[in-house]
């Protein structure tokens, strides 16, 4: 094992395997994170959507009417 060529080859092989192992672990960690994200998105998508109550709908309609009036004023249209 005193041959420098064999030592260099062995060192490069071990370093390459270590680097490959680090890349595989990083990819596995990313894959697990992606699966967790998709699982969370599926859980949120299947959750029932809360409908706004009547008071909120009236308030939204009132705000929309105010916006229409302000846009008309900005356009110079008489109401």
PDB file of N, CA and C in Angstrom:
ATOM      1  N   UNK A   1       0.812  -1.202   0.000  1.00  0.00           N
ATOM      2  CA  UNK A   1       0.000   0.000   0.000  1.00  0.00           C
ATOM      3  C   UNK A   1       0.852   1.260   0.000  1.00  0.00           C
ATOM      4  N   UNK A   2       2.101   1.100  -0.246  1.00  0.00           N
ATOM      5  CA  UNK A   2       2.961   2.274  -0.269  1.00  0.00           C
ATOM      6  C   UNK A   2       3.004   2.917  -1.648  1.00  0.00           C
ATOM      7  N   UNK A   3       2.351   2.296  -2.603  1.00  0.00           N
ATOM      8  CA  UNK A   3       2.324   2.845  -3.954  1.00  0.00           C
ATOM      9  C   UNK A   3       1.457   4.113  -3.961  1.00  0.00           C
ATOM     10  N   UNK A   4       1.990   5.267  -4.382  1.00  0.00           N
ATOM     11  CA  UNK A   4       1.222   6.516  -4.355  1.00  0.00           C
ATOM     12  C   UNK A   4       0.004   6.478  -5.276  1.00  0.00           C
ATOM     13  N   UNK A   5       0.073   5.769  -6.358  1.00  0.00           N
ATOM     14  CA  UNK A   5      -1.057   5.704  -7.288  1.00  0.00           C
ATOM     15  C   UNK A   5      -2.249   4.993  -6.648  1.00  0.00           C
ATOM     16  N   UNK A   6      -1.988   3.911  -5.940  1.00  0.00           N
ATOM     17  CA  UNK A   6      -3.063   3.172  -5.274  1.00  0.00           C
ATOM     18  C   UNK A   6      -3.650   4.007  -4.142  1.00  0.00           C
ATOM     19  N   UNK A   7      -2.797   4.692  -3.404  1.00  0.00           N
ATOM     20  CA  UNK A   7      -3.257   5.542  -2.307  1.00  0.00           C
ATOM     21  C   UNK A   7      -4.135   6.668  -2.837  1.00  0.00           C
ATOM     22  N   UNK A   8      -3.710   7.289  -3.924  1.00  0.00           N
ATOM     23  CA  UNK A   8      -4.488   8.369  -4.530  1.00  0.00           C
ATOM     24  C   UNK A   8      -5.834   7.846  -5.023  1.00  0.00           C
ATOM     25  N   UNK A   9      -5.822   6.717  -5.677  1.00  0.00           N
ATOM     26  CA  UNK A   9      -7.060   6.128  -6.191  1.00  0.00           C
ATOM     27  C   UNK A   9      -8.007   5.777  -5.053  1.00  0.00           C
ATOM     28  N   UNK A  10      -7.484   5.194  -4.012  1.00  0.00           N
ATOM     29  CA  UNK A  10      -8.307   4.828  -2.859  1.00  0.00           C
ATOM     30  C   UNK A  10      -8.881   6.072  -2.180  1.00  0.00           C
ATOM     31  N   UNK A  11      -8.074   7.107  -2.050  1.00  0.00           N
ATOM     32  CA  UNK A  11      -8.534   8.357  -1.435  1.00  0.00           C
ATOM     33  C   UNK A  11      -9.645   8.987  -2.265  1.00  0.00           C
ATOM     34  N   UNK A  12      -9.462   9.028  -3.575  1.00  0.00           N
ATOM     35  CA  UNK A  12     -10.492   9.592  -4.445  1.00  0.00           C
ATOM     36  C   UNK A  12     -11.777   8.769  -4.399  1.00  0.00           C
ATOM     37  N   UNK A  13     -11.650   7.460  -4.334  1.00  0.00           N
ATOM     38  CA  UNK A  13     -12.827   6.597  -4.270  1.00  0.00           C
ATOM     39  C   UNK A  13     -13.601   6.819  -2.977  1.00  0.00           C
ATOM     40  N   UNK A  14     -12.891   6.905  -1.868  1.00  0.00           N
ATOM     41  CA  UNK A  14     -13.549   7.125  -0.572  1.00  0.00           C
ATOM     42  C   UNK A  14     -14.197   8.506  -0.534  1.00  0.00           C
ATOM     43  N   UNK A  15     -13.501   9.516  -1.045  1.00  0.00           N
ATOM     44  CA  UNK A  15     -14.064  10.868  -1.068  1.00  0.00           C
ATOM     45  C   UNK A  15     -15.286  10.927  -1.979  1.00  0.00           C
ATOM     46  N   UNK A  16     -15.230  10.240  -3.104  1.00  0.00           N
ATOM     47  CA  UNK A  16     -16.376  10.213  -4.019  1.00  0.00           C
ATOM     48  C   UNK A  16     -17.574   9.533  -3.372  1.00  0.00           C
ATOM     49  N   UNK A  17     -17.341   8.432  -2.693  1.00  0.00           N
ATOM     50  CA  UNK A  17     -18.437   7.743  -2.012  1.00  0.00           C
ATOM     51  C   UNK A  17     -19.031   8.600  -0.895  1.00  0.00           C
ATOM     52  N   UNK A  18     -18.169   9.308  -0.176  1.00  0.00           N
ATOM     53  CA  UNK A  18     -18.665  10.187   0.890  1.00  0.00           C
ATOM     54  C   UNK A  18     -19.505  11.320   0.294  1.00  0.00           C
ATOM     55  N   UNK A  19     -19.033  11.901  -0.802  1.00  0.00           N
ATOM     56  CA  UNK A  19     -19.799  12.960  -1.460  1.00  0.00           C
ATOM     57  C   UNK A  19     -21.125  12.453  -1.999  1.00  0.00           C
ATOM     58  N   UNK A  20     -21.105  11.273  -2.587  1.00  0.00           N
ATOM     59  CA  UNK A  20     -22.333  10.675  -3.099  1.00  0.00           C
ATOM     60  C   UNK A  20     -23.317  10.394  -1.963  1.00  0.00           C
ATOM     61  N   UNK A  21     -22.811   9.938  -0.844  1.00  0.00           N
ATOM     62  CA  UNK A  21     -23.673   9.681   0.317  1.00  0.00           C
ATOM     63  C   UNK A  21     -24.312  10.978   0.809  1.00  0.00           C
ATOM     64  N   UNK A  22     -23.541  12.065   0.823  1.00  0.00           N
ATOM     65  CA  UNK A  22     -24.101  13.350   1.251  1.00  0.00           C
ATOM     66  C   UNK A  22     -25.178  13.826   0.285  1.00  0.00           C
ATOM     67  N   UNK A  23     -24.952  13.662  -1.011  1.00  0.00           N
ATOM     68  CA  UNK A  23     -25.958  14.053  -2.000  1.00  0.00           C
ATOM     69  C   UNK A  23     -27.230  13.222  -1.863  1.00  0.00           C
ATOM     70  N   UNK A  24     -27.067  11.942  -1.631  1.00  0.00           N
ATOM     71  CA  UNK A  24     -28.232  11.068  -1.470  1.00  0.00           C
ATOM     72  C   UNK A  24     -29.020  11.451  -0.220  1.00  0.00           C
ATOM     73  N   UNK A  25     -28.330  11.751   0.868  1.00  0.00           N
ATOM     74  CA  UNK A  25     -29.024  12.155   2.096  1.00  0.00           C
ATOM     75  C   UNK A  25     -29.754  13.482   1.908  1.00  0.00           C
ATOM     76  N   UNK A  26     -29.140  14.417   1.201  1.00  0.00           N
ATOM     77  CA  UNK A  26     -29.799  15.699   0.941  1.00  0.00           C
ATOM     78  C   UNK A  26     -31.032  15.500   0.062  1.00  0.00           C
ATOM     79  N   UNK A  27     -30.916  14.660  -0.958  1.00  0.00           N
ATOM     80  CA  UNK A  27     -32.060  14.386  -1.829  1.00  0.00           C
ATOM     81  C   UNK A  27     -33.178  13.685  -1.060  1.00  0.00           C
ATOM     82  N   UNK A  28     -32.825  12.766  -0.194  1.00  0.00           N
ATOM     83  CA  UNK A  28     -33.821  12.067   0.614  1.00  0.00           C
ATOM     84  C   UNK A  28     -34.532  13.036   1.556  1.00  0.00           C
ATOM     85  N   UNK A  29     -33.782  13.944   2.139  1.00  0.00           N
ATOM     86  CA  UNK A  29     -34.380  14.945   3.017  1.00  0.00           C
ATOM     87  C   UNK A  29     -35.340  15.836   2.228  1.00  0.00           C
ATOM     88  N   UNK A  30     -34.947  16.250   1.034  1.00  0.00           N
ATOM     89  CA  UNK A  30     -35.828  17.058   0.193  1.00  0.00           C
ATOM     90  C   UNK A  30     -37.077  16.301  -0.218  1.00  0.00           C
ATOM     91  N   UNK A  31     -36.934  15.029  -0.539  1.00  0.00           N
ATOM     92  CA  UNK A  31     -38.070  14.196  -0.920  1.00  0.00           C
ATOM     93  C   UNK A  31     -39.062  14.077   0.229  1.00  0.00           C
ATOM     94  N   UNK A  32     -38.546  13.851   1.434  1.00  0.00           N
ATOM     95  CA  UNK A  32     -39.434  13.746   2.602  1.00  0.00           C
ATOM     96  C   UNK A  32     -40.162  15.064   2.850  1.00  0.00           C
ATOM     97  N   UNK A  33     -39.459  16.183   2.693  1.00  0.00           N
ATOM     98  CA  UNK A  33     -40.095  17.488   2.852  1.00  0.00           C
ATOM     99  C   UNK A  33     -41.178  17.713   1.814  1.00  0.00           C
ATOM    100  N   UNK A  34     -40.910  17.309   0.565  1.00  0.00           N
ATOM    101  CA  UNK A  34     -41.894  17.466  -0.500  1.00  0.00           C
ATOM    102  C   UNK A  34     -43.127  16.616  -0.222  1.00  0.00           C
ATOM    103  N   UNK A  35     -42.911  15.378   0.237  1.00  0.00           N
ATOM    104  CA  UNK A  35     -44.044  14.514   0.577  1.00  0.00           C
ATOM    105  C   UNK A  35     -44.867  15.095   1.721  1.00  0.00           C
ATOM    106  N   UNK A  36     -44.201  15.663   2.710  1.00  0.00           N
ATOM    107  CA  UNK A  36     -44.903  16.278   3.832  1.00  0.00           C
ATOM    108  C   UNK A  36     -45.712  17.484   3.357  1.00  0.00           C
ATOM    109  N   UNK A  37     -45.138  18.286   2.455  1.00  0.00           N
ATOM    110  CA  UNK A  37     -45.847  19.440   1.909  1.00  0.00           C
ATOM    111  C   UNK A  37     -47.090  19.000   1.145  1.00  0.00           C
ATOM    112  N   UNK A  38     -46.947  17.997   0.292  1.00  0.00           N
ATOM    113  CA  UNK A  38     -48.092  17.514  -0.483  1.00  0.00           C
ATOM    114  C   UNK A  38     -49.160  16.921   0.428  1.00  0.00           C
ATOM    115  N   UNK A  39     -48.753  16.231   1.464  1.00  0.00           N
ATOM    116  CA  UNK A  39     -49.707  15.667   2.419  1.00  0.00           C
ATOM    117  C   UNK A  39     -50.485  16.779   3.115  1.00  0.00           C
ATOM    118  N   UNK A  40     -49.783  17.819   3.505  1.00  0.00           N
ATOM    119  CA  UNK A  40     -50.432  18.955   4.157  1.00  0.00           C
ATOM    120  C   UNK A  40     -51.381  19.656   3.193  1.00  0.00           C
ATOM    121  N   UNK A  41     -50.988  19.820   1.935  1.00  0.00           N
ATOM    122  CA  UNK A  41     -51.859  20.449   0.948  1.00  0.00           C
ATOM    123  C   UNK A  41     -53.116  19.618   0.722  1.00  0.00           C
ATOM    124  N   UNK A  42     -52.975  18.311   0.698  1.00  0.00           N
ATOM    125  CA  UNK A  42     -54.143  17.452   0.509  1.00  0.00           C
ATOM    126  C   UNK A  42     -55.086  17.530   1.703  1.00  0.00           C
ATOM    127  N   UNK A  43     -54.530  17.610   2.906  1.00  0.00           N
ATOM    128  CA  UNK A  43     -55.373  17.738   4.096  1.00  0.00           C
ATOM    129  C   UNK A  43     -56.129  19.057   4.082  1.00  0.00           C
ATOM    130  N   UNK A  44     -55.453  20.142   3.675  1.00  0.00           N
ATOM    131  CA  UNK A  44     -56.107  21.443   3.644  1.00  0.00           C
ATOM    132  C   UNK A  44     -57.146  21.521   2.532  1.00  0.00           C
ATOM    133  N   UNK A  45     -56.899  20.857   1.421  1.00  0.00           N
ATOM    134  CA  UNK A  45     -57.843  20.876   0.304  1.00  0.00           C
ATOM    135  C   UNK A  45     -59.114  20.109   0.642  1.00  0.00           C
ATOM    136  N   UNK A  46     -59.006  19.093   1.466  1.00  0.00           N
ATOM    137  CA  UNK A  46     -60.182  18.299   1.808  1.00  0.00           C
ATOM    138  C   UNK A  46     -60.961  18.891   2.984  1.00  0.00           C
ATOM    139  N   UNK A  47     -60.415  19.905   3.635  1.00  0.00           N
ATOM    140  CA  UNK A  47     -61.110  20.531   4.760  1.00  0.00           C
ATOM    141  C   UNK A  47     -62.305  21.328   4.230  1.00  0.00           C
ATOM    142  N   UNK A  48     -63.417  21.324   4.951  1.00  0.00           N
ATOM    143  CA  UNK A  48     -64.583  22.086   4.488  1.00  0.00           C
ATOM    144  C   UNK A  48     -64.298  23.588   4.510  1.00  0.00           C
ATOM    145  N   UNK A  49     -64.775  24.249   3.474  1.00  0.00           N
ATOM    146  CA  UNK A  49     -64.562  25.687   3.354  1.00  0.00           C
ATOM    147  C   UNK A  49     -65.659  26.397   4.133  1.00  0.00           C
ATOM    148  N   UNK A  50     -65.259  27.298   4.991  1.00  0.00           N
ATOM    149  CA  UNK A  50     -66.224  28.040   5.785  1.00  0.00           C
ATOM    150  C   UNK A  50     -66.885  29.107   4.914  1.00  0.00           C
ATOM    151  N   UNK A  51     -68.206  29.120   4.918  1.00  0.00           N
ATOM    152  CA  UNK A  51     -68.922  30.140   4.154  1.00  0.00           C
ATOM    153  C   UNK A  51     -69.092  31.371   5.023  1.00  0.00           C
ATOM    154  N   UNK A  52     -68.951  32.545   4.428  1.00  0.00           N
ATOM    155  CA  UNK A  52     -69.110  33.757   5.226  1.00  0.00           C
ATOM    156  C   UNK A  52     -70.563  33.909   5.668  1.00  0.00           C
ATOM    157  N   UNK A  53     -70.732  34.490   6.832  1.00  0.00           N
ATOM    158  CA  UNK A  53     -72.091  34.668   7.328  1.00  0.00           C
ATOM    159  C   UNK A  53     -72.766  35.825   6.584  1.00  0.00           C
ATOM    160  N   UNK A  54     -74.051  36.015   6.829  1.00  0.00           N
ATOM    161  CA  UNK A  54     -74.832  37.010   6.105  1.00  0.00           C
ATOM    162  C   UNK A  54     -74.309  38.418   6.340  1.00  0.00           C
ATOM    163  N   UNK A  55     -73.909  38.711   7.555  1.00  0.00           N
ATOM    164  CA  UNK A  55     -73.392  40.048   7.859  1.00  0.00           C
ATOM    165  C   UNK A  55     -72.146  40.373   7.062  1.00  0.00           C
ATOM    166  N   UNK A  56     -71.276  39.391   6.905  1.00  0.00           N
ATOM    167  CA  UNK A  56     -70.052  39.613   6.135  1.00  0.00           C
ATOM    168  C   UNK A  56     -70.379  39.839   4.667  1.00  0.00           C
ATOM    169  N   UNK A  57     -71.359  39.106   4.133  1.00  0.00           N
ATOM    170  CA  UNK A  57     -71.745  39.291   2.728  1.00  0.00           C
ATOM    171  C   UNK A  57     -72.324  40.683   2.499  1.00  0.00           C
ATOM    172  N   UNK A  58     -73.136  41.160   3.436  1.00  0.00           N
ATOM    173  CA  UNK A  58     -73.709  42.502   3.317  1.00  0.00           C
ATOM    174  C   UNK A  58     -72.604  43.545   3.358  1.00  0.00           C
ATOM    175  N   UNK A  59     -71.644  43.343   4.249  1.00  0.00           N
ATOM    176  CA  UNK A  59     -70.534  44.287   4.359  1.00  0.00           C
ATOM    177  C   UNK A  59     -69.699  44.300   3.077  1.00  0.00           C
ATOM    178  N   UNK A  60     -69.459  43.147   2.496  1.00  0.00           N
ATOM    179  CA  UNK A  60     -68.700  43.078   1.240  1.00  0.00           C
ATOM    180  C   UNK A  60     -69.467  43.766   0.117  1.00  0.00           C
ATOM    181  N   UNK A  61     -70.780  43.554   0.053  1.00  0.00           N
ATOM    182  CA  UNK A  61     -71.589  44.212  -0.976  1.00  0.00           C
ATOM    183  C   UNK A  61     -71.549  45.724  -0.798  1.00  0.00           C
ATOM    184  N   UNK A  62     -71.591  46.176   0.453  1.00  0.00           N
ATOM    185  CA  UNK A  62     -71.513  47.612   0.733  1.00  0.00           C
ATOM    186  C   UNK A  62     -70.163  48.180   0.290  1.00  0.00           C
ATOM    187  N   UNK A  63     -69.093  47.469   0.574  1.00  0.00           N
ATOM    188  CA  UNK A  63     -67.765  47.933   0.160  1.00  0.00           C
ATOM    189  C   UNK A  63     -67.641  47.976  -1.360  1.00  0.00           C
ATOM    190  N   UNK A  64     -68.209  46.994  -2.040  1.00  0.00           N
ATOM    191  CA  UNK A  64     -68.174  46.996  -3.506  1.00  0.00           C
ATOM    192  C   UNK A  64     -68.935  48.195  -4.066  1.00  0.00           C
ATOM    193  N   UNK A  65     -70.069  48.512  -3.474  1.00  0.00           N
ATOM    194  CA  UNK A  65     -70.846  49.673  -3.920  1.00  0.00           C
ATOM    195  C   UNK A  65     -70.075  50.968  -3.691  1.00  0.00           C
ATOM    196  N   UNK A  66     -69.396  51.074  -2.569  1.00  0.00           N
ATOM    197  CA  UNK A  66     -68.572  52.263  -2.307  1.00  0.00           C
ATOM    198  C   UNK A  66     -67.451  52.389  -3.331  1.00  0.00           C
ATOM    199  N   UNK A  67     -66.847  51.258  -3.672  1.00  0.00           N
ATOM    200  CA  UNK A  67     -65.770  51.284  -4.671  1.00  0.00           C
ATOM    201  C   UNK A  67     -66.318  51.737  -6.017  1.00  0.00           C
ATOM    202  N   UNK A  68     -67.499  51.250  -6.405  1.00  0.00           N
ATOM    203  CA  UNK A  68     -68.107  51.675  -7.673  1.00  0.00           C
ATOM    204  C   UNK A  68     -68.350  53.181  -7.678  1.00  0.00           C
ATOM    205  N   UNK A  69     -68.839  53.704  -6.556  1.00  0.00           N
ATOM    206  CA  UNK A  69     -69.099  55.144  -6.470  1.00  0.00           C
ATOM    207  C   UNK A  69     -67.802  55.938  -6.562  1.00  0.00           C
ATOM    208  N   UNK A  70     -66.758  55.478  -5.873  1.00  0.00           N
ATOM    209  CA  UNK A  70     -65.474  56.179  -5.929  1.00  0.00           C
ATOM    210  C   UNK A  70     -64.876  56.129  -7.330  1.00  0.00           C
ATOM    211  N   UNK A  71     -65.025  55.001  -8.012  1.00  0.00           N
ATOM    212  CA  UNK A  71     -64.529  54.909  -9.383  1.00  0.00           C
ATOM    213  C   UNK A  71     -65.305  55.834 -10.306  1.00  0.00           C
ATOM    214  N   UNK A  72     -66.605  55.957 -10.074  1.00  0.00           N
ATOM    215  CA  UNK A  72     -67.415  56.862 -10.888  1.00  0.00           C
ATOM    216  C   UNK A  72     -67.007  58.308 -10.645  1.00  0.00           C
ATOM    217  N   UNK A  73     -66.748  58.653  -9.399  1.00  0.00           N
ATOM    218  CA  UNK A  73     -66.296  60.012  -9.080  1.00  0.00           C
ATOM    219  C   UNK A  73     -64.952  60.283  -9.733  1.00  0.00           C
ATOM    220  N   UNK A  74     -64.051  59.309  -9.677  1.00  0.00           N
ATOM    221  CA  UNK A  74     -62.731  59.480 -10.281  1.00  0.00           C
ATOM    222  C   UNK A  74     -62.828  59.613 -11.797  1.00  0.00           C
ATOM    223  N   UNK A  75     -63.811  58.958 -12.403  1.00  0.00           N
ATOM    224  CA  UNK A  75     -63.983  59.039 -13.854  1.00  0.00           C
ATOM    225  C   UNK A  75     -64.745  60.290 -14.263  1.00  0.00           C
ATOM    226  N   UNK A  76     -65.290  61.016 -13.297  1.00  0.00           N
ATOM    227  CA  UNK A  76     -66.018  62.250 -13.592  1.00  0.00           C
ATOM    228  C   UNK A  76     -67.463  62.023 -13.974  1.00  0.00           C
ATOM    229  N   UNK A  77     -68.024  60.878 -13.619  1.00  0.00           N
ATOM    230  CA  UNK A  77     -69.416  60.567 -13.932  1.00  0.00           C
ATOM    231  C   UNK A  77     -70.281  61.067 -12.783  1.00  0.00           C
ATOM    232  N   UNK A  78     -71.388  61.775 -13.129  1.00  0.00           N
ATOM    233  CA  UNK A  78     -72.311  62.235 -12.088  1.00  0.00           C
ATOM    234  C   UNK A  78     -73.227  61.091 -11.682  1.00  0.00           C
ATOM    235  N   UNK A  79     -73.416  60.943 -10.378  1.00  0.00           N
ATOM    236  CA  UNK A  79     -74.284  59.872  -9.877  1.00  0.00           C
ATOM    237  C   UNK A  79     -75.676  60.376  -9.640  1.00  0.00           C
TER     238      UNK A  79
END
